[in-house]
N, C-alpha and C. Protein backbone atom coordinates (compact mmCIF):
# COMPACT_ATOMS: atom_id res chain seq x y z
N MET A 1 -5.73 -191.36 153.58
CA MET A 1 -6.12 -192.23 152.47
C MET A 1 -6.86 -191.41 151.42
N GLU A 2 -6.35 -191.48 150.18
CA GLU A 2 -6.95 -190.71 149.10
C GLU A 2 -8.05 -191.53 148.43
N GLU A 3 -9.08 -190.84 147.93
CA GLU A 3 -10.20 -191.52 147.27
C GLU A 3 -10.22 -191.17 145.79
N PHE A 4 -10.59 -192.17 144.98
CA PHE A 4 -10.62 -192.02 143.53
C PHE A 4 -11.93 -192.58 142.98
N ASP A 5 -12.27 -192.11 141.78
CA ASP A 5 -13.42 -192.71 141.10
C ASP A 5 -13.07 -194.11 140.60
N VAL A 6 -11.88 -194.23 139.99
CA VAL A 6 -11.46 -195.51 139.41
C VAL A 6 -10.02 -195.80 139.81
N GLY A 7 -9.79 -197.02 140.23
CA GLY A 7 -8.43 -197.50 140.47
C GLY A 7 -8.06 -198.51 139.39
N VAL A 8 -6.90 -198.34 138.80
CA VAL A 8 -6.39 -199.26 137.78
C VAL A 8 -5.14 -199.91 138.34
N VAL A 9 -5.18 -201.22 138.51
CA VAL A 9 -4.03 -201.95 139.03
C VAL A 9 -3.26 -202.52 137.84
N GLY A 10 -2.09 -201.97 137.59
CA GLY A 10 -1.27 -202.38 136.46
C GLY A 10 -1.10 -201.24 135.48
N GLY A 11 0.16 -200.93 135.16
CA GLY A 11 0.43 -199.80 134.29
C GLY A 11 1.02 -200.18 132.95
N GLY A 12 0.67 -201.38 132.46
CA GLY A 12 1.09 -201.77 131.12
C GLY A 12 0.21 -201.13 130.06
N PRO A 13 0.30 -201.58 128.81
CA PRO A 13 -0.50 -200.97 127.73
C PRO A 13 -2.00 -200.96 128.01
N ALA A 14 -2.55 -202.07 128.54
CA ALA A 14 -3.99 -202.13 128.80
C ALA A 14 -4.39 -201.18 129.92
N GLY A 15 -3.63 -201.19 131.02
CA GLY A 15 -3.94 -200.31 132.14
C GLY A 15 -3.81 -198.84 131.77
N ALA A 16 -2.75 -198.50 131.03
CA ALA A 16 -2.55 -197.11 130.62
C ALA A 16 -3.67 -196.64 129.70
N ALA A 17 -4.06 -197.49 128.74
CA ALA A 17 -5.13 -197.11 127.81
C ALA A 17 -6.45 -196.91 128.55
N ALA A 18 -6.77 -197.80 129.49
CA ALA A 18 -8.01 -197.67 130.25
C ALA A 18 -8.01 -196.38 131.06
N ALA A 19 -6.90 -196.07 131.71
CA ALA A 19 -6.81 -194.87 132.53
C ALA A 19 -6.99 -193.61 131.69
N LEU A 20 -6.39 -193.58 130.51
CA LEU A 20 -6.49 -192.40 129.64
C LEU A 20 -7.93 -192.20 129.16
N HIS A 21 -8.59 -193.29 128.77
CA HIS A 21 -9.98 -193.17 128.31
C HIS A 21 -10.88 -192.65 129.44
N LEU A 22 -10.70 -193.18 130.63
CA LEU A 22 -11.54 -192.77 131.76
C LEU A 22 -11.26 -191.33 132.17
N ARG A 23 -10.01 -190.92 132.09
CA ARG A 23 -9.66 -189.55 132.49
C ARG A 23 -10.32 -188.53 131.58
N ARG A 24 -10.56 -188.90 130.32
CA ARG A 24 -11.20 -187.98 129.38
C ARG A 24 -12.63 -187.64 129.80
N THR A 25 -13.24 -188.47 130.64
CA THR A 25 -14.59 -188.20 131.13
C THR A 25 -14.57 -187.46 132.47
N GLU A 26 -13.40 -186.91 132.82
CA GLU A 26 -13.23 -186.10 134.03
C GLU A 26 -13.30 -186.92 135.32
N LEU A 27 -13.14 -188.23 135.22
CA LEU A 27 -13.08 -189.05 136.42
C LEU A 27 -11.70 -188.92 137.06
N LYS A 28 -11.67 -189.08 138.36
CA LYS A 28 -10.40 -189.07 139.09
C LYS A 28 -9.85 -190.50 139.09
N VAL A 29 -8.70 -190.68 138.43
CA VAL A 29 -8.17 -192.02 138.16
C VAL A 29 -6.78 -192.15 138.75
N VAL A 30 -6.53 -193.31 139.35
CA VAL A 30 -5.19 -193.63 139.82
C VAL A 30 -4.74 -194.94 139.17
N VAL A 31 -3.49 -194.96 138.73
CA VAL A 31 -2.85 -196.19 138.24
C VAL A 31 -1.84 -196.62 139.29
N ILE A 32 -1.99 -197.85 139.77
CA ILE A 32 -1.07 -198.39 140.77
C ILE A 32 -0.22 -199.45 140.08
N GLU A 33 1.07 -199.18 139.99
CA GLU A 33 2.00 -200.06 139.27
C GLU A 33 3.19 -200.34 140.17
N ARG A 34 3.51 -201.62 140.35
CA ARG A 34 4.61 -201.96 141.26
C ARG A 34 5.98 -201.76 140.63
N GLY A 35 6.02 -201.73 139.29
CA GLY A 35 7.30 -201.53 138.60
C GLY A 35 7.31 -200.22 137.84
N ARG A 36 7.50 -200.32 136.53
CA ARG A 36 7.52 -199.14 135.67
C ARG A 36 6.24 -199.06 134.85
N ILE A 37 5.80 -197.84 134.55
CA ILE A 37 4.71 -197.67 133.60
C ILE A 37 5.18 -198.24 132.25
N GLY A 38 4.33 -199.05 131.66
CA GLY A 38 4.71 -199.75 130.43
C GLY A 38 4.82 -201.24 130.65
N GLY A 39 5.12 -201.64 131.90
CA GLY A 39 5.21 -203.06 132.21
C GLY A 39 6.27 -203.77 131.37
N LEU A 40 5.90 -204.93 130.85
CA LEU A 40 6.85 -205.74 130.09
C LEU A 40 7.25 -205.12 128.76
N VAL A 41 6.52 -204.08 128.33
CA VAL A 41 6.89 -203.39 127.09
C VAL A 41 8.33 -202.87 127.17
N TRP A 42 8.78 -202.52 128.38
CA TRP A 42 10.15 -202.03 128.55
C TRP A 42 11.18 -203.00 128.00
N ASN A 43 10.88 -204.29 128.01
CA ASN A 43 11.84 -205.30 127.58
C ASN A 43 11.90 -205.48 126.07
N ALA A 44 10.94 -204.92 125.35
CA ALA A 44 10.83 -205.20 123.92
C ALA A 44 11.94 -204.51 123.13
N ARG A 45 12.61 -205.28 122.32
CA ARG A 45 13.66 -204.74 121.44
C ARG A 45 13.05 -203.79 120.41
N ARG A 46 11.95 -204.23 119.82
CA ARG A 46 11.25 -203.39 118.85
C ARG A 46 9.79 -203.82 118.80
N VAL A 47 8.89 -202.84 118.85
CA VAL A 47 7.45 -203.09 118.73
C VAL A 47 7.03 -202.63 117.34
N GLU A 48 6.54 -203.56 116.53
CA GLU A 48 6.22 -203.24 115.14
C GLU A 48 4.74 -203.33 114.83
N ASN A 49 3.91 -203.66 115.83
CA ASN A 49 2.48 -203.84 115.57
C ASN A 49 1.62 -202.87 116.38
N TYR A 50 2.23 -201.76 116.83
CA TYR A 50 1.47 -200.79 117.61
C TYR A 50 1.03 -199.65 116.69
N PRO A 51 -0.27 -199.33 116.65
CA PRO A 51 -0.76 -198.29 115.75
C PRO A 51 -0.04 -196.96 115.97
N GLY A 52 0.22 -196.27 114.86
CA GLY A 52 0.84 -194.96 114.94
C GLY A 52 2.35 -194.98 114.77
N PHE A 53 2.94 -196.19 114.70
CA PHE A 53 4.39 -196.31 114.53
C PHE A 53 4.69 -197.26 113.37
N PRO A 54 4.47 -196.79 112.14
CA PRO A 54 4.64 -197.69 110.99
C PRO A 54 6.07 -198.22 110.84
N GLY A 55 7.04 -197.48 111.36
CA GLY A 55 8.43 -197.93 111.29
C GLY A 55 8.88 -198.67 112.52
N GLY A 56 7.95 -198.91 113.46
CA GLY A 56 8.29 -199.58 114.71
C GLY A 56 8.82 -198.59 115.74
N VAL A 57 8.90 -199.04 116.97
CA VAL A 57 9.36 -198.21 118.08
C VAL A 57 9.96 -199.14 119.13
N THR A 58 10.98 -198.69 119.83
CA THR A 58 11.55 -199.53 120.88
C THR A 58 10.59 -199.58 122.06
N GLY A 59 10.68 -200.64 122.84
CA GLY A 59 9.83 -200.77 124.01
C GLY A 59 10.04 -199.63 124.99
N ARG A 60 11.29 -199.24 125.18
CA ARG A 60 11.60 -198.14 126.10
C ARG A 60 10.92 -196.84 125.64
N GLU A 61 11.03 -196.53 124.36
CA GLU A 61 10.42 -195.31 123.84
C GLU A 61 8.91 -195.33 124.02
N LEU A 62 8.29 -196.47 123.74
CA LEU A 62 6.84 -196.57 123.86
C LEU A 62 6.39 -196.42 125.31
N ALA A 63 7.11 -197.07 126.23
CA ALA A 63 6.75 -196.97 127.65
C ALA A 63 6.90 -195.54 128.15
N GLU A 64 7.94 -194.86 127.72
CA GLU A 64 8.14 -193.47 128.14
C GLU A 64 7.02 -192.57 127.61
N LEU A 65 6.52 -192.87 126.41
CA LEU A 65 5.39 -192.12 125.88
C LEU A 65 4.12 -192.38 126.70
N PHE A 66 3.92 -193.63 127.12
CA PHE A 66 2.78 -193.95 127.99
C PHE A 66 2.83 -193.07 129.25
N ALA A 67 3.99 -193.05 129.90
CA ALA A 67 4.13 -192.31 131.16
C ALA A 67 3.90 -190.82 130.95
N SER A 68 4.44 -190.29 129.86
CA SER A 68 4.29 -188.86 129.57
C SER A 68 2.83 -188.51 129.32
N GLN A 69 2.12 -189.36 128.57
CA GLN A 69 0.72 -189.06 128.27
C GLN A 69 -0.16 -189.17 129.51
N LEU A 70 0.12 -190.12 130.37
CA LEU A 70 -0.64 -190.23 131.62
C LEU A 70 -0.46 -188.97 132.47
N GLU A 71 0.77 -188.49 132.52
CA GLU A 71 1.04 -187.28 133.31
C GLU A 71 0.30 -186.07 132.73
N ARG A 72 0.36 -185.92 131.40
CA ARG A 72 -0.32 -184.78 130.77
C ARG A 72 -1.83 -184.85 130.97
N ALA A 73 -2.38 -186.06 131.01
CA ALA A 73 -3.83 -186.22 131.16
C ALA A 73 -4.30 -186.00 132.59
N GLY A 74 -3.37 -185.96 133.53
CA GLY A 74 -3.76 -185.76 134.92
C GLY A 74 -4.10 -187.04 135.66
N VAL A 75 -3.63 -188.18 135.14
CA VAL A 75 -3.82 -189.45 135.84
C VAL A 75 -2.76 -189.56 136.93
N GLU A 76 -3.20 -189.88 138.13
CA GLU A 76 -2.23 -190.06 139.21
C GLU A 76 -1.61 -191.45 139.09
N VAL A 77 -0.30 -191.51 139.15
CA VAL A 77 0.43 -192.77 139.07
C VAL A 77 1.14 -193.01 140.39
N VAL A 78 0.91 -194.17 140.97
CA VAL A 78 1.51 -194.52 142.27
C VAL A 78 2.33 -195.79 142.10
N LYS A 79 3.56 -195.75 142.59
CA LYS A 79 4.41 -196.95 142.57
C LYS A 79 4.14 -197.73 143.85
N ASP A 80 3.40 -198.82 143.72
CA ASP A 80 3.03 -199.62 144.87
C ASP A 80 2.58 -200.99 144.37
N GLU A 81 2.49 -201.93 145.27
CA GLU A 81 1.99 -203.27 144.95
C GLU A 81 0.74 -203.54 145.78
N VAL A 82 -0.36 -203.84 145.10
CA VAL A 82 -1.61 -204.13 145.78
C VAL A 82 -1.57 -205.56 146.30
N LEU A 83 -1.78 -205.70 147.61
CA LEU A 83 -1.71 -207.01 148.25
C LEU A 83 -3.08 -207.61 148.52
N ARG A 84 -4.08 -206.74 148.73
CA ARG A 84 -5.41 -207.22 149.10
C ARG A 84 -6.45 -206.20 148.68
N VAL A 85 -7.63 -206.70 148.30
CA VAL A 85 -8.73 -205.83 147.87
C VAL A 85 -9.97 -206.15 148.68
N GLU A 86 -10.56 -205.13 149.30
CA GLU A 86 -11.86 -205.29 149.96
C GLU A 86 -12.94 -204.85 148.99
N PRO A 87 -14.12 -205.49 149.04
CA PRO A 87 -15.15 -205.24 148.02
C PRO A 87 -15.75 -203.85 148.10
N HIS A 88 -16.59 -203.60 147.10
CA HIS A 88 -17.19 -202.29 146.80
C HIS A 88 -17.82 -201.63 148.02
N PRO A 89 -17.56 -200.30 148.27
CA PRO A 89 -16.57 -199.51 147.53
C PRO A 89 -15.18 -200.05 147.80
N PHE A 90 -14.40 -200.20 146.76
CA PHE A 90 -13.15 -200.95 146.84
C PHE A 90 -12.12 -200.24 147.72
N LEU A 91 -11.49 -201.03 148.56
CA LEU A 91 -10.38 -200.54 149.37
C LEU A 91 -9.16 -201.39 149.02
N LEU A 92 -8.16 -200.75 148.42
CA LEU A 92 -6.97 -201.46 147.97
C LEU A 92 -5.87 -201.30 149.02
N HIS A 93 -5.37 -202.42 149.49
CA HIS A 93 -4.30 -202.41 150.48
C HIS A 93 -2.97 -202.61 149.74
N GLY A 94 -2.16 -201.57 149.71
CA GLY A 94 -0.85 -201.66 149.09
C GLY A 94 0.24 -201.78 150.14
N ARG A 95 1.45 -202.06 149.68
CA ARG A 95 2.57 -202.11 150.61
C ARG A 95 2.85 -200.74 151.22
N ARG A 96 2.52 -199.69 150.47
CA ARG A 96 2.86 -198.34 150.91
C ARG A 96 1.67 -197.50 151.32
N GLY A 97 0.46 -197.98 151.07
CA GLY A 97 -0.68 -197.15 151.42
C GLY A 97 -2.01 -197.82 151.11
N LEU A 98 -3.09 -197.08 151.40
CA LEU A 98 -4.45 -197.52 151.15
C LEU A 98 -5.07 -196.62 150.08
N TYR A 99 -5.91 -197.23 149.22
CA TYR A 99 -6.53 -196.48 148.13
C TYR A 99 -8.00 -196.91 148.05
N ARG A 100 -8.90 -195.93 148.12
CA ARG A 100 -10.32 -196.23 148.02
C ARG A 100 -10.83 -195.76 146.66
N CYS A 101 -11.63 -196.61 146.01
CA CYS A 101 -12.18 -196.24 144.70
C CYS A 101 -13.55 -196.87 144.50
N ARG A 102 -14.37 -196.18 143.70
CA ARG A 102 -15.72 -196.69 143.43
C ARG A 102 -15.69 -197.85 142.44
N TYR A 103 -14.77 -197.78 141.49
CA TYR A 103 -14.66 -198.82 140.47
C TYR A 103 -13.21 -199.27 140.38
N LEU A 104 -13.04 -200.52 139.95
CA LEU A 104 -11.71 -201.12 139.92
C LEU A 104 -11.48 -201.84 138.61
N ILE A 105 -10.31 -201.61 138.02
CA ILE A 105 -9.89 -202.33 136.81
C ILE A 105 -8.60 -203.07 137.14
N LEU A 106 -8.59 -204.38 136.89
CA LEU A 106 -7.38 -205.18 137.08
C LEU A 106 -6.73 -205.40 135.72
N ALA A 107 -5.53 -204.86 135.57
CA ALA A 107 -4.78 -204.99 134.32
C ALA A 107 -3.36 -205.41 134.67
N THR A 108 -3.27 -206.54 135.37
CA THR A 108 -2.00 -206.95 135.96
C THR A 108 -1.09 -207.71 135.00
N GLY A 109 -1.57 -208.01 133.79
CA GLY A 109 -0.70 -208.62 132.80
C GLY A 109 -0.38 -210.08 133.10
N THR A 110 0.74 -210.54 132.56
CA THR A 110 1.12 -211.94 132.67
C THR A 110 2.36 -212.10 133.54
N ARG A 111 2.59 -213.32 133.98
CA ARG A 111 3.77 -213.65 134.77
C ARG A 111 4.43 -214.88 134.15
N PRO A 112 5.75 -214.88 133.99
CA PRO A 112 6.42 -216.06 133.44
C PRO A 112 6.41 -217.22 134.42
N ARG A 113 6.49 -218.43 133.88
CA ARG A 113 6.61 -219.61 134.73
C ARG A 113 7.99 -219.60 135.39
N LYS A 114 8.02 -219.85 136.70
CA LYS A 114 9.27 -219.77 137.45
C LYS A 114 10.00 -221.10 137.43
N LEU A 115 11.33 -221.03 137.29
CA LEU A 115 12.18 -222.20 137.43
C LEU A 115 12.64 -222.32 138.87
N PRO A 116 12.78 -223.56 139.38
CA PRO A 116 13.25 -223.71 140.76
C PRO A 116 14.69 -223.22 140.90
N PRO A 117 15.02 -222.51 141.98
CA PRO A 117 16.39 -222.01 142.15
C PRO A 117 17.38 -223.15 142.34
N ARG A 118 18.51 -223.07 141.65
CA ARG A 118 19.54 -224.09 141.78
C ARG A 118 20.93 -223.47 141.81
N GLY A 119 21.06 -222.31 142.42
CA GLY A 119 22.38 -221.74 142.62
C GLY A 119 22.93 -220.96 141.45
N ILE A 120 22.15 -220.76 140.38
CA ILE A 120 22.60 -219.92 139.27
C ILE A 120 21.56 -218.83 139.06
N PRO A 121 21.98 -217.68 138.54
CA PRO A 121 21.02 -216.58 138.35
C PRO A 121 20.00 -216.90 137.26
N VAL A 122 18.74 -216.64 137.55
CA VAL A 122 17.65 -216.82 136.58
C VAL A 122 16.93 -215.48 136.47
N TYR A 123 16.76 -215.00 135.24
CA TYR A 123 16.15 -213.69 135.01
C TYR A 123 14.82 -213.89 134.28
N TYR A 124 13.84 -213.08 134.66
CA TYR A 124 12.52 -213.19 134.05
C TYR A 124 12.15 -211.96 133.22
N GLU A 125 13.02 -210.97 133.23
CA GLU A 125 12.86 -209.80 132.37
C GLU A 125 14.22 -209.45 131.80
N LEU A 126 14.22 -208.95 130.59
CA LEU A 126 15.47 -208.59 129.94
C LEU A 126 16.22 -207.51 130.72
N LEU A 127 15.47 -206.59 131.32
CA LEU A 127 16.10 -205.50 132.05
C LEU A 127 16.87 -205.99 133.27
N GLU A 128 16.57 -207.20 133.73
CA GLU A 128 17.27 -207.74 134.90
C GLU A 128 18.66 -208.28 134.54
N VAL A 129 18.89 -208.57 133.26
CA VAL A 129 20.15 -209.19 132.84
C VAL A 129 21.26 -208.14 132.88
N PRO A 130 22.31 -208.37 133.67
CA PRO A 130 23.38 -207.37 133.75
C PRO A 130 24.19 -207.31 132.46
N GLN A 131 24.77 -206.15 132.22
CA GLN A 131 25.67 -206.00 131.08
C GLN A 131 26.91 -206.86 131.30
N GLY A 132 27.48 -207.35 130.22
CA GLY A 132 28.71 -208.12 130.31
C GLY A 132 28.52 -209.62 130.42
N VAL A 133 27.26 -210.10 130.45
CA VAL A 133 27.03 -211.55 130.48
C VAL A 133 27.49 -212.14 129.15
N ARG A 134 28.33 -213.18 129.21
CA ARG A 134 28.92 -213.73 127.99
C ARG A 134 28.05 -214.79 127.34
N ARG A 135 27.36 -215.61 128.15
CA ARG A 135 26.50 -216.68 127.62
C ARG A 135 25.21 -216.71 128.40
N ILE A 136 24.10 -216.96 127.70
CA ILE A 136 22.82 -217.01 128.38
C ILE A 136 21.88 -217.96 127.63
N ALA A 137 21.03 -218.64 128.37
CA ALA A 137 19.99 -219.49 127.78
C ALA A 137 18.66 -218.78 127.89
N VAL A 138 17.92 -218.74 126.79
CA VAL A 138 16.58 -218.17 126.76
C VAL A 138 15.61 -219.31 126.48
N VAL A 139 14.62 -219.49 127.34
CA VAL A 139 13.69 -220.62 127.24
C VAL A 139 12.35 -220.12 126.74
N GLY A 140 11.88 -220.66 125.62
CA GLY A 140 10.57 -220.29 125.09
C GLY A 140 10.58 -220.21 123.58
N GLY A 141 9.40 -220.35 122.98
CA GLY A 141 9.31 -220.36 121.53
C GLY A 141 8.42 -219.29 120.95
N GLY A 142 7.97 -218.34 121.79
CA GLY A 142 7.08 -217.29 121.31
C GLY A 142 7.83 -216.01 120.96
N ASP A 143 7.06 -214.97 120.65
CA ASP A 143 7.65 -213.70 120.25
C ASP A 143 8.58 -213.13 121.31
N VAL A 144 8.17 -213.23 122.58
CA VAL A 144 8.97 -212.63 123.65
C VAL A 144 10.34 -213.30 123.73
N ALA A 145 10.37 -214.62 123.71
CA ALA A 145 11.65 -215.33 123.81
C ALA A 145 12.57 -214.98 122.64
N PHE A 146 12.03 -214.94 121.44
CA PHE A 146 12.86 -214.62 120.27
C PHE A 146 13.34 -213.17 120.34
N ASP A 147 12.47 -212.27 120.80
CA ASP A 147 12.86 -210.87 120.94
C ASP A 147 13.96 -210.71 121.99
N TYR A 148 13.84 -211.42 123.13
CA TYR A 148 14.87 -211.37 124.16
C TYR A 148 16.19 -211.92 123.63
N ALA A 149 16.12 -213.01 122.86
CA ALA A 149 17.34 -213.60 122.31
C ALA A 149 18.06 -212.60 121.40
N LEU A 150 17.31 -211.90 120.58
CA LEU A 150 17.91 -210.91 119.68
C LEU A 150 18.51 -209.75 120.46
N SER A 151 17.83 -209.31 121.52
CA SER A 151 18.37 -208.22 122.33
C SER A 151 19.68 -208.63 122.99
N CYS A 152 19.75 -209.85 123.50
CA CYS A 152 20.99 -210.33 124.11
C CYS A 152 22.10 -210.43 123.07
N ALA A 153 21.75 -210.90 121.87
CA ALA A 153 22.74 -211.00 120.81
C ALA A 153 23.26 -209.62 120.42
N ASP A 154 22.39 -208.61 120.45
CA ASP A 154 22.81 -207.24 120.15
C ASP A 154 23.89 -206.76 121.12
N ARG A 155 23.88 -207.31 122.33
CA ARG A 155 24.89 -206.94 123.34
C ARG A 155 26.19 -207.70 123.17
N GLY A 156 26.22 -208.65 122.23
CA GLY A 156 27.41 -209.47 122.04
C GLY A 156 27.41 -210.73 122.88
N THR A 157 26.25 -211.09 123.44
CA THR A 157 26.14 -212.29 124.28
C THR A 157 25.86 -213.51 123.41
N GLU A 158 26.51 -214.63 123.73
CA GLU A 158 26.20 -215.90 123.07
C GLU A 158 24.90 -216.43 123.66
N VAL A 159 23.94 -216.77 122.79
CA VAL A 159 22.59 -217.11 123.24
C VAL A 159 22.24 -218.54 122.83
N PHE A 160 21.70 -219.31 123.79
CA PHE A 160 21.13 -220.62 123.51
C PHE A 160 19.61 -220.48 123.64
N LEU A 161 18.91 -220.57 122.52
CA LEU A 161 17.45 -220.42 122.51
C LEU A 161 16.84 -221.81 122.54
N ILE A 162 16.12 -222.12 123.63
CA ILE A 162 15.69 -223.49 123.92
C ILE A 162 14.18 -223.60 123.78
N LEU A 163 13.72 -224.53 122.93
CA LEU A 163 12.30 -224.72 122.66
C LEU A 163 11.95 -226.19 122.85
N ARG A 164 10.85 -226.46 123.56
CA ARG A 164 10.38 -227.84 123.70
C ARG A 164 9.66 -228.31 122.45
N SER A 165 9.09 -227.38 121.68
CA SER A 165 8.30 -227.72 120.50
C SER A 165 8.61 -226.71 119.40
N PRO A 166 8.11 -226.92 118.19
CA PRO A 166 8.39 -225.97 117.10
C PRO A 166 8.02 -224.54 117.49
N PRO A 167 8.77 -223.57 116.99
CA PRO A 167 8.57 -222.17 117.40
C PRO A 167 7.21 -221.63 116.97
N LYS A 168 6.67 -220.75 117.82
CA LYS A 168 5.40 -220.08 117.54
C LYS A 168 5.60 -218.59 117.27
N ALA A 169 6.84 -218.15 117.31
CA ALA A 169 7.14 -216.73 117.11
C ALA A 169 6.79 -216.29 115.69
N HIS A 170 6.65 -214.99 115.52
CA HIS A 170 6.36 -214.42 114.20
C HIS A 170 7.44 -214.86 113.21
N PRO A 171 7.06 -215.22 111.98
CA PRO A 171 8.05 -215.68 111.00
C PRO A 171 9.21 -214.71 110.80
N GLY A 172 8.93 -213.41 110.87
CA GLY A 172 10.00 -212.43 110.71
C GLY A 172 11.04 -212.53 111.83
N LEU A 173 10.56 -212.75 113.06
CA LEU A 173 11.49 -212.92 114.18
C LEU A 173 12.29 -214.21 114.03
N GLN A 174 11.62 -215.27 113.58
CA GLN A 174 12.32 -216.54 113.40
C GLN A 174 13.44 -216.40 112.37
N GLU A 175 13.15 -215.73 111.28
CA GLU A 175 14.16 -215.55 110.25
C GLU A 175 15.33 -214.71 110.76
N GLU A 176 15.02 -213.67 111.52
CA GLU A 176 16.08 -212.81 112.05
C GLU A 176 16.97 -213.59 113.01
N VAL A 177 16.36 -214.44 113.84
CA VAL A 177 17.15 -215.25 114.77
C VAL A 177 18.07 -216.20 114.01
N ARG A 178 17.56 -216.82 112.96
CA ARG A 178 18.37 -217.78 112.20
C ARG A 178 19.53 -217.11 111.48
N GLN A 179 19.44 -215.81 111.27
CA GLN A 179 20.52 -215.08 110.60
C GLN A 179 21.62 -214.63 111.56
N ARG A 180 21.40 -214.82 112.86
CA ARG A 180 22.35 -214.32 113.84
C ARG A 180 23.29 -215.43 114.30
N PRO A 181 24.59 -215.30 114.03
CA PRO A 181 25.54 -216.35 114.44
C PRO A 181 25.69 -216.47 115.95
N GLU A 182 25.30 -215.43 116.70
CA GLU A 182 25.43 -215.48 118.16
C GLU A 182 24.36 -216.37 118.81
N ILE A 183 23.32 -216.75 118.04
CA ILE A 183 22.20 -217.49 118.61
C ILE A 183 22.20 -218.93 118.10
N SER A 184 22.20 -219.88 119.04
CA SER A 184 22.06 -221.30 118.71
C SER A 184 20.65 -221.73 119.08
N LEU A 185 19.95 -222.35 118.14
CA LEU A 185 18.55 -222.73 118.32
C LEU A 185 18.46 -224.22 118.61
N PHE A 186 17.82 -224.58 119.74
CA PHE A 186 17.64 -225.98 120.12
C PHE A 186 16.15 -226.27 120.20
N ILE A 187 15.63 -226.99 119.20
CA ILE A 187 14.21 -227.35 119.17
C ILE A 187 14.06 -228.78 119.68
N GLY A 188 13.07 -229.00 120.54
CA GLY A 188 12.89 -230.31 121.15
C GLY A 188 13.77 -230.52 122.36
N ALA A 189 14.23 -229.42 122.94
CA ALA A 189 15.10 -229.49 124.12
C ALA A 189 14.35 -228.94 125.33
N SER A 190 14.93 -229.16 126.50
CA SER A 190 14.31 -228.67 127.72
C SER A 190 15.38 -228.39 128.76
N ILE A 191 15.01 -227.60 129.75
CA ILE A 191 15.89 -227.29 130.88
C ILE A 191 15.46 -228.15 132.06
N GLU A 192 16.42 -228.79 132.71
CA GLU A 192 16.12 -229.57 133.91
C GLU A 192 17.00 -229.09 135.06
N ALA A 193 16.40 -229.02 136.24
CA ALA A 193 17.12 -228.57 137.43
C ALA A 193 17.80 -229.76 138.10
N THR A 194 19.08 -229.60 138.43
CA THR A 194 19.83 -230.60 139.18
C THR A 194 20.53 -229.90 140.34
N ASP A 195 21.11 -230.68 141.22
CA ASP A 195 21.84 -230.08 142.35
C ASP A 195 23.04 -229.28 141.88
N GLY A 196 23.54 -229.60 140.69
CA GLY A 196 24.69 -228.87 140.16
C GLY A 196 24.31 -227.66 139.33
N GLY A 197 23.02 -227.39 139.22
CA GLY A 197 22.56 -226.26 138.42
C GLY A 197 21.52 -226.71 137.42
N LEU A 198 21.41 -225.99 136.31
CA LEU A 198 20.46 -226.32 135.26
C LEU A 198 21.21 -226.97 134.10
N VAL A 199 20.63 -228.03 133.54
CA VAL A 199 21.24 -228.69 132.39
C VAL A 199 20.27 -228.67 131.22
N LEU A 200 20.83 -228.65 130.02
CA LEU A 200 20.05 -228.64 128.79
C LEU A 200 19.98 -230.06 128.25
N LYS A 201 18.75 -230.57 128.06
CA LYS A 201 18.57 -231.93 127.58
C LYS A 201 17.87 -231.91 126.23
N GLY A 202 18.44 -232.65 125.28
CA GLY A 202 17.83 -232.82 123.97
C GLY A 202 17.26 -234.21 123.83
N ARG A 203 16.86 -234.56 122.62
CA ARG A 203 16.26 -235.88 122.38
C ARG A 203 17.24 -237.01 122.67
N GLU A 204 18.54 -236.72 122.53
CA GLU A 204 19.55 -237.77 122.69
C GLU A 204 20.35 -237.62 123.98
N GLY A 205 19.85 -236.82 124.91
CA GLY A 205 20.53 -236.69 126.19
C GLY A 205 20.97 -235.27 126.47
N ILE A 206 21.91 -235.14 127.41
CA ILE A 206 22.37 -233.82 127.85
C ILE A 206 23.18 -233.15 126.75
N ILE A 207 22.90 -231.87 126.51
CA ILE A 207 23.65 -231.08 125.53
C ILE A 207 24.71 -230.29 126.28
N PRO A 208 25.99 -230.47 125.96
CA PRO A 208 27.06 -229.77 126.70
C PRO A 208 27.03 -228.27 126.46
């Protein structure tokens, strides 16, 4: 079992930034990430509000820069999932090992709301969607949903963007979505689970 000054659980933008700042003070830092360094940033079609990239940067490019900078700084990165934490001095129980640290930072990010399984594939990250999908429904009205819809449209996929209420996405994203013929926007609609799969319901009933 290796010991560290600081353990950071989560390798997204917040976790990576915290680890880099702490490493500058010569602390021994480990980042424990169950997926990829960068987290959900990997799914972003384009990031336009990150300092240092006035022309924007793809999520993949930004995440790869995070990983490269962590490596150069000497931050240890471990691919594992923390299942349980014992109190100070902290002992982190992962699926693959144990990690002891004096201080702990939780930067686990967000999780999407799960739909009940009904015999059809449901994806919660853009990277999970296989190439060649012809039609897909994207549920949500924020920046992430609109960004995912545009990414799917870039692949040539027909997209149904489903919102229960008026969109909250950035106006620029909303305008870009409305300009794309591959994307159909349904406001005031919802997804309901049935034994036959998922159905799209609008104000006047089921939408075919």
